Amino acid sequence: DDQALVPFFDDTTVYSRTVAAIWYLTKEWSEAEGGSLIDLGDQVKEKQLVPIYNSLVVFEVPHWHAVSAVTSERWRYSIFGW
């Protein structure tokens, strides 16, 4: 369980996070520009997801993952949360 103390309404409430989401907002992004989501949850083979414009990636938490370094000179926009 990925619990966190989140003082939105009071100082004692503990919420459990169940999913995380990333909404990609940059048009025409390529793998060569970096910023790919790397799924480390599969012990056999890593999976890389290149950001695709207006796509939403949702995964259960906790879940091992990383993001590759952005090598592009332009900004990569996304909204994320859990």
N, C-alpha and C. Protein backbone atom coordinates (compact mmCIF):
# COMPACT_ATOMS: atom_id res chain seq x y z
N ASP A 1 0.84 -1.17 0.00
CA ASP A 1 0.00 0.00 0.00
C ASP A 1 0.89 1.24 0.00
N ASP A 2 0.60 2.17 -0.88
CA ASP A 2 1.37 3.41 -0.98
C ASP A 2 0.63 4.51 -0.25
N GLN A 3 0.74 4.52 1.07
CA GLN A 3 0.01 5.49 1.88
C GLN A 3 0.80 6.77 2.04
N ALA A 4 0.08 7.87 2.14
CA ALA A 4 0.72 9.16 2.34
C ALA A 4 -0.16 10.03 3.22
N LEU A 5 0.46 10.79 4.09
CA LEU A 5 -0.26 11.78 4.88
C LEU A 5 -0.43 13.01 4.00
N VAL A 6 -1.66 13.34 3.67
CA VAL A 6 -1.96 14.47 2.80
C VAL A 6 -2.86 15.43 3.57
N PRO A 7 -2.31 16.55 4.03
CA PRO A 7 -3.09 17.46 4.88
C PRO A 7 -4.03 18.37 4.10
N PHE A 8 -4.93 17.79 3.28
CA PHE A 8 -5.90 18.60 2.54
C PHE A 8 -6.96 19.16 3.47
N PHE A 9 -7.55 18.29 4.29
CA PHE A 9 -8.67 18.69 5.11
C PHE A 9 -8.32 18.78 6.60
N ASP A 10 -7.36 17.97 7.01
CA ASP A 10 -6.89 18.02 8.39
C ASP A 10 -5.49 17.42 8.43
N ASP A 11 -4.87 17.42 9.59
CA ASP A 11 -3.49 16.94 9.72
C ASP A 11 -3.37 15.47 10.07
N THR A 12 -4.47 14.71 10.05
CA THR A 12 -4.41 13.32 10.49
C THR A 12 -4.89 12.32 9.44
N THR A 13 -5.36 12.80 8.30
CA THR A 13 -5.93 11.91 7.30
C THR A 13 -4.83 11.25 6.46
N VAL A 14 -4.89 9.94 6.35
CA VAL A 14 -3.94 9.19 5.52
C VAL A 14 -4.71 8.63 4.33
N TYR A 15 -4.24 8.93 3.13
CA TYR A 15 -4.88 8.45 1.91
C TYR A 15 -4.03 7.35 1.29
N SER A 16 -4.67 6.40 0.67
CA SER A 16 -3.96 5.34 -0.05
C SER A 16 -4.04 5.63 -1.53
N ARG A 17 -2.90 5.66 -2.17
CA ARG A 17 -2.86 5.86 -3.62
C ARG A 17 -2.97 4.50 -4.29
N THR A 18 -3.76 4.42 -5.31
CA THR A 18 -3.91 3.14 -6.02
C THR A 18 -3.40 3.20 -7.44
N VAL A 19 -3.47 4.36 -8.09
CA VAL A 19 -2.98 4.49 -9.47
C VAL A 19 -2.24 5.80 -9.64
N ALA A 20 -1.37 5.83 -10.64
CA ALA A 20 -0.70 7.05 -11.09
C ALA A 20 -1.05 7.22 -12.55
N ALA A 21 -1.05 8.47 -13.01
CA ALA A 21 -1.40 8.73 -14.40
C ALA A 21 -0.51 9.83 -14.97
N ILE A 22 -0.20 9.71 -16.26
CA ILE A 22 0.57 10.72 -16.99
C ILE A 22 -0.18 11.02 -18.28
N TRP A 23 -0.47 12.30 -18.51
CA TRP A 23 -1.13 12.73 -19.74
C TRP A 23 -0.10 13.52 -20.54
N TYR A 24 0.26 13.02 -21.70
CA TYR A 24 1.30 13.63 -22.54
C TYR A 24 0.70 14.69 -23.45
N LEU A 25 1.32 15.87 -23.48
CA LEU A 25 0.75 17.03 -24.17
C LEU A 25 1.67 17.66 -25.22
N THR A 26 2.77 17.01 -25.57
CA THR A 26 3.68 17.56 -26.57
C THR A 26 3.48 16.83 -27.89
N LYS A 27 3.26 17.59 -28.96
CA LYS A 27 3.04 17.00 -30.28
C LYS A 27 4.37 16.57 -30.90
N GLU A 28 4.31 15.49 -31.67
CA GLU A 28 5.44 15.01 -32.49
C GLU A 28 6.72 14.81 -31.69
N TRP A 29 6.62 14.08 -30.61
CA TRP A 29 7.79 13.75 -29.77
C TRP A 29 8.37 12.43 -30.25
N SER A 30 9.69 12.31 -30.29
CA SER A 30 10.32 11.07 -30.77
C SER A 30 11.14 10.41 -29.66
N GLU A 31 11.43 9.15 -29.85
CA GLU A 31 12.24 8.41 -28.88
C GLU A 31 13.63 9.02 -28.73
N ALA A 32 14.15 9.58 -29.81
CA ALA A 32 15.48 10.17 -29.79
C ALA A 32 15.56 11.39 -28.87
N GLU A 33 14.42 12.00 -28.54
CA GLU A 33 14.40 13.18 -27.69
C GLU A 33 14.38 12.83 -26.19
N GLY A 34 14.29 11.54 -25.87
CA GLY A 34 14.28 11.12 -24.47
C GLY A 34 12.92 11.32 -23.83
N GLY A 35 12.89 11.26 -22.51
CA GLY A 35 11.65 11.48 -21.78
C GLY A 35 10.68 10.31 -21.83
N SER A 36 11.17 9.13 -22.21
CA SER A 36 10.31 7.95 -22.27
C SER A 36 10.08 7.37 -20.88
N LEU A 37 8.89 6.85 -20.66
CA LEU A 37 8.58 6.16 -19.41
C LEU A 37 9.17 4.75 -19.50
N ILE A 38 9.95 4.37 -18.52
CA ILE A 38 10.57 3.05 -18.49
C ILE A 38 9.90 2.23 -17.41
N ASP A 39 9.26 1.15 -17.82
CA ASP A 39 8.56 0.24 -16.91
C ASP A 39 9.58 -0.75 -16.37
N LEU A 40 9.90 -0.65 -15.09
CA LEU A 40 10.88 -1.53 -14.46
C LEU A 40 10.21 -2.65 -13.67
N GLY A 41 8.90 -2.77 -13.79
CA GLY A 41 8.14 -3.75 -13.02
C GLY A 41 8.29 -5.17 -13.52
N ASP A 42 8.63 -5.34 -14.78
CA ASP A 42 8.80 -6.67 -15.36
C ASP A 42 10.26 -7.08 -15.19
N GLN A 43 10.51 -8.12 -14.43
CA GLN A 43 11.88 -8.55 -14.15
C GLN A 43 12.58 -9.13 -15.38
N VAL A 44 11.81 -9.55 -16.38
CA VAL A 44 12.39 -10.18 -17.56
C VAL A 44 12.88 -9.15 -18.56
N LYS A 45 12.08 -8.13 -18.85
CA LYS A 45 12.43 -7.16 -19.88
C LYS A 45 11.84 -5.79 -19.56
N GLU A 46 12.69 -4.75 -19.64
CA GLU A 46 12.21 -3.38 -19.48
C GLU A 46 11.35 -3.00 -20.68
N LYS A 47 10.33 -2.21 -20.43
CA LYS A 47 9.49 -1.69 -21.51
C LYS A 47 9.60 -0.18 -21.50
N GLN A 48 9.77 0.42 -22.69
CA GLN A 48 9.84 1.86 -22.81
C GLN A 48 8.62 2.36 -23.56
N LEU A 49 8.01 3.40 -23.02
CA LEU A 49 6.85 4.03 -23.65
C LEU A 49 7.23 5.45 -24.05
N VAL A 50 7.28 5.70 -25.36
CA VAL A 50 7.59 7.03 -25.87
C VAL A 50 6.34 7.90 -25.72
N PRO A 51 6.49 9.13 -25.22
CA PRO A 51 5.33 10.01 -25.07
C PRO A 51 4.64 10.27 -26.41
N ILE A 52 3.34 9.99 -26.47
CA ILE A 52 2.54 10.23 -27.66
C ILE A 52 1.52 11.32 -27.31
N TYR A 53 1.41 12.32 -28.17
CA TYR A 53 0.52 13.45 -27.91
C TYR A 53 -0.90 13.01 -27.56
N ASN A 54 -1.43 13.60 -26.50
CA ASN A 54 -2.80 13.39 -26.02
C ASN A 54 -3.07 11.95 -25.57
N SER A 55 -2.03 11.24 -25.18
CA SER A 55 -2.23 9.89 -24.64
C SER A 55 -2.16 9.94 -23.12
N LEU A 56 -2.80 8.97 -22.50
CA LEU A 56 -2.83 8.86 -21.05
C LEU A 56 -2.29 7.50 -20.65
N VAL A 57 -1.29 7.49 -19.79
CA VAL A 57 -0.73 6.25 -19.26
C VAL A 57 -1.14 6.15 -17.80
N VAL A 58 -1.72 5.02 -17.42
CA VAL A 58 -2.17 4.79 -16.04
C VAL A 58 -1.56 3.48 -15.56
N PHE A 59 -1.00 3.49 -14.35
CA PHE A 59 -0.45 2.26 -13.79
C PHE A 59 -0.68 2.24 -12.28
N GLU A 60 -0.74 1.02 -11.75
CA GLU A 60 -0.94 0.84 -10.31
C GLU A 60 0.32 1.27 -9.56
N VAL A 61 0.12 1.80 -8.36
CA VAL A 61 1.24 2.14 -7.48
C VAL A 61 1.10 1.34 -6.19
N PRO A 62 2.21 0.97 -5.59
CA PRO A 62 3.56 1.26 -6.04
C PRO A 62 3.95 0.41 -7.25
N HIS A 63 4.80 0.96 -8.11
CA HIS A 63 5.26 0.28 -9.32
C HIS A 63 6.61 0.87 -9.70
N TRP A 64 7.61 0.03 -9.88
CA TRP A 64 8.95 0.51 -10.23
C TRP A 64 8.94 1.04 -11.65
N HIS A 65 9.39 2.31 -11.79
CA HIS A 65 9.48 2.94 -13.10
C HIS A 65 10.52 4.06 -13.06
N ALA A 66 10.87 4.55 -14.23
CA ALA A 66 11.82 5.65 -14.36
C ALA A 66 11.45 6.42 -15.63
N VAL A 67 12.09 7.56 -15.81
CA VAL A 67 11.92 8.34 -17.04
C VAL A 67 13.31 8.61 -17.58
N SER A 68 13.50 8.33 -18.89
CA SER A 68 14.81 8.57 -19.49
C SER A 68 15.06 10.08 -19.59
N ALA A 69 16.32 10.45 -19.61
CA ALA A 69 16.71 11.86 -19.67
C ALA A 69 16.20 12.51 -20.95
N VAL A 70 15.67 13.71 -20.83
CA VAL A 70 15.25 14.47 -22.01
C VAL A 70 16.49 15.07 -22.64
N THR A 71 16.70 14.77 -23.92
CA THR A 71 17.88 15.27 -24.63
C THR A 71 17.53 16.36 -25.63
N SER A 72 16.25 16.63 -25.80
CA SER A 72 15.77 17.62 -26.76
C SER A 72 16.02 19.03 -26.25
N GLU A 73 16.11 19.97 -27.17
CA GLU A 73 16.23 21.38 -26.81
C GLU A 73 14.87 22.00 -26.51
N ARG A 74 13.79 21.31 -26.86
CA ARG A 74 12.45 21.86 -26.61
C ARG A 74 11.85 21.24 -25.35
N TRP A 75 10.78 21.83 -24.85
CA TRP A 75 10.12 21.36 -23.65
C TRP A 75 9.23 20.17 -23.95
N ARG A 76 9.12 19.26 -22.98
CA ARG A 76 8.18 18.15 -23.06
C ARG A 76 7.11 18.40 -21.99
N TYR A 77 5.87 18.56 -22.42
CA TYR A 77 4.78 18.90 -21.50
C TYR A 77 3.97 17.66 -21.14
N SER A 78 3.63 17.56 -19.86
CA SER A 78 2.77 16.48 -19.39
C SER A 78 2.12 16.90 -18.08
N ILE A 79 1.02 16.25 -17.75
CA ILE A 79 0.37 16.43 -16.46
C ILE A 79 0.35 15.06 -15.79
N PHE A 80 0.77 15.02 -14.54
CA PHE A 80 0.80 13.72 -13.85
C PHE A 80 0.19 13.85 -12.46
N GLY A 81 -0.21 12.75 -11.94
CA GLY A 81 -0.76 12.75 -10.60
C GLY A 81 -1.10 11.35 -10.16
N TRP A 82 -1.53 11.21 -8.89
CA TRP A 82 -1.92 9.92 -8.35
C TRP A 82 -2.96 10.12 -7.29
